């Protein structure tokens, strides 16, 4: 008679350890969750380099906005009002180098060379000096061909034709040259006027909003 109660107790103890391994199997399942996290840190690192691209897109939009107004070349005042002014602070000695860097950035951003006119208030650009050695006729013939960046003396800006971008290097010369040539250069710039020089001198000529 005492044997039957002992048998069910043995079966109940055998079922106990079977339930514990079932609980241990559920533990490794949440471990693969942190796997997709490394994809997030790669995103904030890449937006840094493309930041210089937006300014180039803005200039291209300005060109598109300037093209519909191009059929009215007889209104330089309206073109000057629509064009933007960008000031690059530089000394008289470094103004020409700053203008060269600005031209390089314009070409790298997609500007065509024939869209850029460079003016100097002091010493002429070496390219202009070299081309003028062959005579003014051939020099201005290249200006009329409009197939490359053209460099000219700021005092001769009235002879130069309008271009989408005009870069002025205030690299010395009489103050009267800058005072008279900067407003004319602004009128010649269809989309953008870039002035490299002393900010105080430039602001006094073109206005404090530059």
C-alpha atoms as a PDB file:
ATOM      1  CA  UNK A   1       0.000   0.000   0.000  1.00  0.00           C
ATOM      2  CA  UNK A   2       2.773   2.594   0.632  1.00  0.00           C
ATOM      3  CA  UNK A   3       4.189   2.160  -2.908  1.00  0.00           C
ATOM      4  CA  UNK A   4       1.515   3.991  -4.984  1.00  0.00           C
ATOM      5  CA  UNK A   5       1.961   7.435  -3.274  1.00  0.00           C
ATOM      6  CA  UNK A   6       5.730   7.385  -3.856  1.00  0.00           C
ATOM      7  CA  UNK A   7       5.481   6.878  -7.655  1.00  0.00           C
ATOM      8  CA  UNK A   8       3.663  10.177  -8.459  1.00  0.00           C
ATOM      9  CA  UNK A   9       6.205  12.121  -6.422  1.00  0.00           C
ATOM     10  CA  UNK A  10       9.043  10.762  -8.603  1.00  0.00           C
ATOM     11  CA  UNK A  11       7.220  11.832 -11.834  1.00  0.00           C
ATOM     12  CA  UNK A  12       6.603  15.374 -10.552  1.00  0.00           C
ATOM     13  CA  UNK A  13      10.309  15.938  -9.787  1.00  0.00           C
ATOM     14  CA  UNK A  14      11.267  14.748 -13.316  1.00  0.00           C
ATOM     15  CA  UNK A  15       9.019  17.390 -14.939  1.00  0.00           C
ATOM     16  CA  UNK A  16      10.652  20.228 -12.970  1.00  0.00           C
ATOM     17  CA  UNK A  17      14.054  20.304 -14.698  1.00  0.00           C
ATOM     18  CA  UNK A  18      12.481  20.131 -18.190  1.00  0.00           C
ATOM     19  CA  UNK A  19      10.880  23.563 -17.725  1.00  0.00           C
ATOM     20  CA  UNK A  20      14.166  25.311 -16.852  1.00  0.00           C
ATOM     21  CA  UNK A  21      15.962  24.706 -20.202  1.00  0.00           C
ATOM     22  CA  UNK A  22      12.926  26.143 -22.012  1.00  0.00           C
ATOM     23  CA  UNK A  23      13.459  29.422 -20.150  1.00  0.00           C
ATOM     24  CA  UNK A  24      17.170  29.493 -20.974  1.00  0.00           C
ATOM     25  CA  UNK A  25      16.466  29.162 -24.719  1.00  0.00           C
ATOM     26  CA  UNK A  26      14.554  32.463 -24.803  1.00  0.00           C
ATOM     27  CA  UNK A  27      17.587  34.461 -23.569  1.00  0.00           C
ATOM     28  CA  UNK A  28      19.711  34.498 -26.775  1.00  0.00           C
ATOM     29  CA  UNK A  29      16.878  35.797 -28.967  1.00  0.00           C
ATOM     30  CA  UNK A  30      17.149  39.546 -28.037  1.00  0.00           C
ATOM     31  CA  UNK A  31      20.931  39.659 -28.647  1.00  0.00           C
ATOM     32  CA  UNK A  32      20.856  40.334 -32.434  1.00  0.00           C
ATOM     33  CA  UNK A  33      18.832  43.566 -31.892  1.00  0.00           C
ATOM     34  CA  UNK A  34      21.849  45.934 -31.606  1.00  0.00           C
ATOM     35  CA  UNK A  35      23.052  44.778 -35.038  1.00  0.00           C
ATOM     36  CA  UNK A  36      21.394  47.532 -37.185  1.00  0.00           C
ATOM     37  CA  UNK A  37      22.717  50.372 -34.983  1.00  0.00           C
ATOM     38  CA  UNK A  38      26.044  50.907 -36.835  1.00  0.00           C
ATOM     39  CA  UNK A  39      24.142  52.115 -39.908  1.00  0.00           C
ATOM     40  CA  UNK A  40      23.126  55.331 -38.090  1.00  0.00           C
ATOM     41  CA  UNK A  41      26.575  56.870 -37.373  1.00  0.00           C
ATOM     42  CA  UNK A  42      27.532  56.779 -41.064  1.00  0.00           C
ATOM     43  CA  UNK A  43      24.761  59.255 -41.997  1.00  0.00           C
ATOM     44  CA  UNK A  44      25.818  62.302 -39.946  1.00  0.00           C
ATOM     45  CA  UNK A  45      29.400  62.071 -41.206  1.00  0.00           C
ATOM     46  CA  UNK A  46      28.638  62.391 -44.932  1.00  0.00           C
ATOM     47  CA  UNK A  47      26.538  65.577 -45.045  1.00  0.00           C
ATOM     48  CA  UNK A  48      29.682  67.580 -44.184  1.00  0.00           C
ATOM     49  CA  UNK A  49      31.529  67.535 -47.537  1.00  0.00           C
ATOM     50  CA  UNK A  50      28.575  68.284 -49.818  1.00  0.00           C
ATOM     51  CA  UNK A  51      27.947  71.628 -48.066  1.00  0.00           C
ATOM     52  CA  UNK A  52      29.890  73.617 -50.671  1.00  0.00           C
ATOM     53  CA  UNK A  53      27.595  72.230 -53.380  1.00  0.00           C
ATOM     54  CA  UNK A  54      24.485  74.323 -52.408  1.00  0.00           C
ATOM     55  CA  UNK A  55      26.146  77.654 -53.242  1.00  0.00           C
ATOM     56  CA  UNK A  56      26.897  76.357 -56.743  1.00  0.00           C
ATOM     57  CA  UNK A  57      23.254  75.365 -57.153  1.00  0.00           C
ATOM     58  CA  UNK A  58      22.182  78.836 -56.140  1.00  0.00           C
ATOM     59  CA  UNK A  59      24.387  80.422 -58.750  1.00  0.00           C
ATOM     60  CA  UNK A  60      22.975  78.109 -61.401  1.00  0.00           C
ATOM     61  CA  UNK A  61      19.488  79.128 -60.387  1.00  0.00           C
ATOM     62  CA  UNK A  62      20.509  82.754 -60.647  1.00  0.00           C
ATOM     63  CA  UNK A  63      21.725  82.109 -64.182  1.00  0.00           C
ATOM     64  CA  UNK A  64      18.386  80.562 -65.090  1.00  0.00           C
ATOM     65  CA  UNK A  65      16.643  83.578 -63.605  1.00  0.00           C
ATOM     66  CA  UNK A  66      18.921  85.945 -65.486  1.00  0.00           C
ATOM     67  CA  UNK A  67      18.434  84.319 -68.896  1.00  0.00           C
ATOM     68  CA  UNK A  68      14.847  85.486 -69.353  1.00  0.00           C
ATOM     69  CA  UNK A  69      16.020  89.034 -68.673  1.00  0.00           C
ATOM     70  CA  UNK A  70      18.897  88.849 -71.144  1.00  0.00           C
ATOM     71  CA  UNK A  71      16.895  90.087 -74.148  1.00  0.00           C
ATOM     72  CA  UNK A  72      16.970  93.582 -72.623  1.00  0.00           C
ATOM     73  CA  UNK A  73      20.655  94.598 -72.703  1.00  0.00           C
ATOM     74  CA  UNK A  74      19.715  98.251 -73.013  1.00  0.00           C
ATOM     75  CA  UNK A  75      18.768  98.418 -69.315  1.00  0.00           C
ATOM     76  CA  UNK A  76      21.992  98.020 -67.307  1.00  0.00           C
ATOM     77  CA  UNK A  77      20.405  99.604 -64.234  1.00  0.00           C
ATOM     78  CA  UNK A  78      17.814  96.825 -64.052  1.00  0.00           C
ATOM     79  CA  UNK A  79      20.523  94.189 -64.427  1.00  0.00           C
ATOM     80  CA  UNK A  80      22.542  95.807 -61.643  1.00  0.00           C
ATOM     81  CA  UNK A  81      19.528  95.763 -59.359  1.00  0.00           C
ATOM     82  CA  UNK A  82      18.969  92.064 -60.009  1.00  0.00           C
ATOM     83  CA  UNK A  83      22.599  90.978 -59.645  1.00  0.00           C
ATOM     84  CA  UNK A  84      23.976  89.968 -56.283  1.00  0.00           C
ATOM     85  CA  UNK A  85      27.147  91.318 -54.676  1.00  0.00           C
ATOM     86  CA  UNK A  86      29.660  89.117 -52.894  1.00  0.00           C
ATOM     87  CA  UNK A  87      32.522  90.699 -50.986  1.00  0.00           C
ATOM     88  CA  UNK A  88      35.791  88.823 -50.412  1.00  0.00           C
ATOM     89  CA  UNK A  89      37.959  90.720 -47.896  1.00  0.00           C
ATOM     90  CA  UNK A  90      41.534  91.015 -49.119  1.00  0.00           C
ATOM     91  CA  UNK A  91      44.432  93.415 -48.994  1.00  0.00           C
ATOM     92  CA  UNK A  92      45.522  95.322 -52.074  1.00  0.00           C
ATOM     93  CA  UNK A  93      48.435  92.900 -52.430  1.00  0.00           C
ATOM     94  CA  UNK A  94      46.227  89.811 -52.129  1.00  0.00           C
ATOM     95  CA  UNK A  95      43.179  91.028 -54.050  1.00  0.00           C
ATOM     96  CA  UNK A  96      44.336  89.571 -57.366  1.00  0.00           C
ATOM     97  CA  UNK A  97      45.054  86.172 -55.825  1.00  0.00           C
ATOM     98  CA  UNK A  98      41.627  86.227 -54.180  1.00  0.00           C
ATOM     99  CA  UNK A  99      40.056  87.030 -57.536  1.00  0.00           C
ATOM    100  CA  UNK A 100      41.914  84.119 -59.154  1.00  0.00           C
ATOM    101  CA  UNK A 101      40.598  81.762 -56.473  1.00  0.00           C
ATOM    102  CA  UNK A 102      37.083  83.088 -57.022  1.00  0.00           C
ATOM    103  CA  UNK A 103      37.373  82.415 -60.763  1.00  0.00           C
ATOM    104  CA  UNK A 104      38.620  78.882 -60.107  1.00  0.00           C
ATOM    105  CA  UNK A 105      35.651  78.209 -57.814  1.00  0.00           C
ATOM    106  CA  UNK A 106      33.247  79.589 -60.406  1.00  0.00           C
ATOM    107  CA  UNK A 107      34.627  77.331 -63.126  1.00  0.00           C
ATOM    108  CA  UNK A 108      34.647  74.310 -60.813  1.00  0.00           C
ATOM    109  CA  UNK A 109      31.016  74.979 -59.900  1.00  0.00           C
ATOM    110  CA  UNK A 110      29.993  74.780 -63.556  1.00  0.00           C
ATOM    111  CA  UNK A 111      30.306  78.335 -64.809  1.00  0.00           C
ATOM    112  CA  UNK A 112      31.411  78.615 -68.431  1.00  0.00           C
ATOM    113  CA  UNK A 113      34.635  80.602 -68.908  1.00  0.00           C
ATOM    114  CA  UNK A 114      32.954  83.026 -71.298  1.00  0.00           C
ATOM    115  CA  UNK A 115      30.533  84.012 -68.526  1.00  0.00           C
ATOM    116  CA  UNK A 116      33.260  85.579 -66.363  1.00  0.00           C
ATOM    117  CA  UNK A 117      34.851  89.034 -66.661  1.00  0.00           C
ATOM    118  CA  UNK A 118      37.743  89.977 -64.352  1.00  0.00           C
ATOM    119  CA  UNK A 119      38.681  93.614 -63.710  1.00  0.00           C
ATOM    120  CA  UNK A 120      41.698  95.018 -61.880  1.00  0.00           C
ATOM    121  CA  UNK A 121      41.965  98.515 -60.404  1.00  0.00           C
ATOM    122  CA  UNK A 122      45.754  98.426 -60.014  1.00  0.00           C
ATOM    123  CA  UNK A 123      48.321  96.371 -61.881  1.00  0.00           C
ATOM    124  CA  UNK A 124      46.767  94.477 -64.795  1.00  0.00           C
ATOM    125  CA  UNK A 125      46.428  90.730 -64.782  1.00  0.00           C
ATOM    126  CA  UNK A 126      49.460  88.952 -66.332  1.00  0.00           C
ATOM    127  CA  UNK A 127      47.198  87.519 -69.048  1.00  0.00           C
ATOM    128  CA  UNK A 128      46.049  90.994 -70.058  1.00  0.00           C
ATOM    129  CA  UNK A 129      49.627  92.269 -70.111  1.00  0.00           C
ATOM    130  CA  UNK A 130      50.680  89.381 -72.335  1.00  0.00           C
ATOM    131  CA  UNK A 131      47.788  89.721 -74.774  1.00  0.00           C
ATOM    132  CA  UNK A 132      48.125  93.497 -75.034  1.00  0.00           C
ATOM    133  CA  UNK A 133      51.704  92.973 -76.166  1.00  0.00           C
ATOM    134  CA  UNK A 134      50.254  91.736 -79.455  1.00  0.00           C
ATOM    135  CA  UNK A 135      48.180  94.889 -79.899  1.00  0.00           C
ATOM    136  CA  UNK A 136      44.841  96.181 -78.680  1.00  0.00           C
ATOM    137  CA  UNK A 137      43.031  94.946 -81.781  1.00  0.00           C
ATOM    138  CA  UNK A 138      43.775  91.280 -81.125  1.00  0.00           C
ATOM    139  CA  UNK A 139      43.245  91.825 -77.395  1.00  0.00           C
ATOM    140  CA  UNK A 140      39.714  93.176 -77.788  1.00  0.00           C
ATOM    141  CA  UNK A 141      38.993  90.640 -80.520  1.00  0.00           C
ATOM    142  CA  UNK A 142      39.276  87.957 -77.846  1.00  0.00           C
ATOM    143  CA  UNK A 143      36.830  89.948 -75.739  1.00  0.00           C
ATOM    144  CA  UNK A 144      34.341  90.026 -78.613  1.00  0.00           C
ATOM    145  CA  UNK A 145      34.825  86.295 -79.283  1.00  0.00           C
ATOM    146  CA  UNK A 146      33.519  85.541 -75.772  1.00  0.00           C
ATOM    147  CA  UNK A 147      35.092  82.095 -75.638  1.00  0.00           C
ATOM    148  CA  UNK A 148      37.111  82.432 -72.420  1.00  0.00           C
ATOM    149  CA  UNK A 149      37.558  84.416 -69.201  1.00  0.00           C
ATOM    150  CA  UNK A 150      38.485  87.977 -70.108  1.00  0.00           C
ATOM    151  CA  UNK A 151      40.780  90.168 -67.993  1.00  0.00           C
ATOM    152  CA  UNK A 152      40.718  93.947 -68.346  1.00  0.00           C
ATOM    153  CA  UNK A 153      41.642  97.157 -66.597  1.00  0.00           C
ATOM    154  CA  UNK A 154      38.808  98.429 -64.413  1.00  0.00           C
ATOM    155  CA  UNK A 155      39.229 101.858 -65.993  1.00  0.00           C
ATOM    156  CA  UNK A 156      38.095 100.273 -69.281  1.00  0.00           C
ATOM    157  CA  UNK A 157      34.985  98.629 -67.839  1.00  0.00           C
ATOM    158  CA  UNK A 158      32.760 100.896 -69.942  1.00  0.00           C
ATOM    159  CA  UNK A 159      34.214  99.244 -73.046  1.00  0.00           C
ATOM    160  CA  UNK A 160      33.615  95.715 -71.762  1.00  0.00           C
ATOM    161  CA  UNK A 161      30.362  93.931 -72.529  1.00  0.00           C
ATOM    162  CA  UNK A 162      28.069  92.580 -69.831  1.00  0.00           C
ATOM    163  CA  UNK A 163      28.664  89.075 -68.544  1.00  0.00           C
ATOM    164  CA  UNK A 164      26.770  86.964 -65.996  1.00  0.00           C
ATOM    165  CA  UNK A 165      29.624  87.233 -63.467  1.00  0.00           C
ATOM    166  CA  UNK A 166      32.050  90.117 -62.989  1.00  0.00           C
ATOM    167  CA  UNK A 167      34.989  89.767 -60.591  1.00  0.00           C
ATOM    168  CA  UNK A 168      36.764  92.942 -59.488  1.00  0.00           C
ATOM    169  CA  UNK A 169      40.171  92.866 -57.817  1.00  0.00           C
ATOM    170  CA  UNK A 170      40.740  96.120 -55.934  1.00  0.00           C
ATOM    171  CA  UNK A 171      44.507  95.656 -56.053  1.00  0.00           C
ATOM    172  CA  UNK A 172      45.585  99.265 -55.735  1.00  0.00           C
ATOM    173  CA  UNK A 173      45.449 102.201 -58.097  1.00  0.00           C
ATOM    174  CA  UNK A 174      43.837 105.560 -57.431  1.00  0.00           C
ATOM    175  CA  UNK A 175      40.763 105.574 -55.239  1.00  0.00           C
ATOM    176  CA  UNK A 176      38.869 107.287 -58.033  1.00  0.00           C
ATOM    177  CA  UNK A 177      39.267 104.196 -60.233  1.00  0.00           C
ATOM    178  CA  UNK A 178      37.526 101.981 -57.697  1.00  0.00           C
ATOM    179  CA  UNK A 179      34.876 104.632 -57.020  1.00  0.00           C
ATOM    180  CA  UNK A 180      33.960 104.928 -60.689  1.00  0.00           C
ATOM    181  CA  UNK A 181      34.539 101.362 -61.879  1.00  0.00           C
ATOM    182  CA  UNK A 182      32.695  99.441 -59.149  1.00  0.00           C
ATOM    183  CA  UNK A 183      29.236 100.859 -59.961  1.00  0.00           C
ATOM    184  CA  UNK A 184      29.884 100.238 -63.667  1.00  0.00           C
ATOM    185  CA  UNK A 185      31.069  96.706 -62.911  1.00  0.00           C
ATOM    186  CA  UNK A 186      27.865  96.152 -60.963  1.00  0.00           C
ATOM    187  CA  UNK A 187      25.898  97.288 -63.989  1.00  0.00           C
ATOM    188  CA  UNK A 188      27.868  94.894 -66.212  1.00  0.00           C
ATOM    189  CA  UNK A 189      27.220  91.911 -63.937  1.00  0.00           C
ATOM    190  CA  UNK A 190      24.128  90.101 -65.105  1.00  0.00           C
ATOM    191  CA  UNK A 191      23.894  87.768 -62.115  1.00  0.00           C
ATOM    192  CA  UNK A 192      26.756  88.161 -59.657  1.00  0.00           C
ATOM    193  CA  UNK A 193      29.395  90.756 -58.807  1.00  0.00           C
ATOM    194  CA  UNK A 194      32.366  89.557 -56.762  1.00  0.00           C
ATOM    195  CA  UNK A 195      34.626  92.243 -55.300  1.00  0.00           C
ATOM    196  CA  UNK A 196      37.953  91.349 -53.717  1.00  0.00           C
ATOM    197  CA  UNK A 197      39.487  94.102 -51.614  1.00  0.00           C
ATOM    198  CA  UNK A 198      39.161  96.284 -48.543  1.00  0.00           C
ATOM    199  CA  UNK A 199      35.606  95.990 -47.161  1.00  0.00           C
ATOM    200  CA  UNK A 200      35.463  99.587 -45.932  1.00  0.00           C
ATOM    201  CA  UNK A 201      36.493 100.977 -49.298  1.00  0.00           C
ATOM    202  CA  UNK A 202      34.045  98.743 -51.147  1.00  0.00           C
ATOM    203  CA  UNK A 203      31.147  99.474 -48.804  1.00  0.00           C
ATOM    204  CA  UNK A 204      31.730 103.205 -49.133  1.00  0.00           C
ATOM    205  CA  UNK A 205      31.288 102.880 -52.906  1.00  0.00           C
ATOM    206  CA  UNK A 206      28.612 100.212 -53.276  1.00  0.00           C
ATOM    207  CA  UNK A 207      26.757 100.728 -49.991  1.00  0.00           C
ATOM    208  CA  UNK A 208      26.780  99.241 -46.516  1.00  0.00           C
ATOM    209  CA  UNK A 209      24.592  96.314 -47.572  1.00  0.00           C
ATOM    210  CA  UNK A 210      27.440  94.572 -49.378  1.00  0.00           C
END
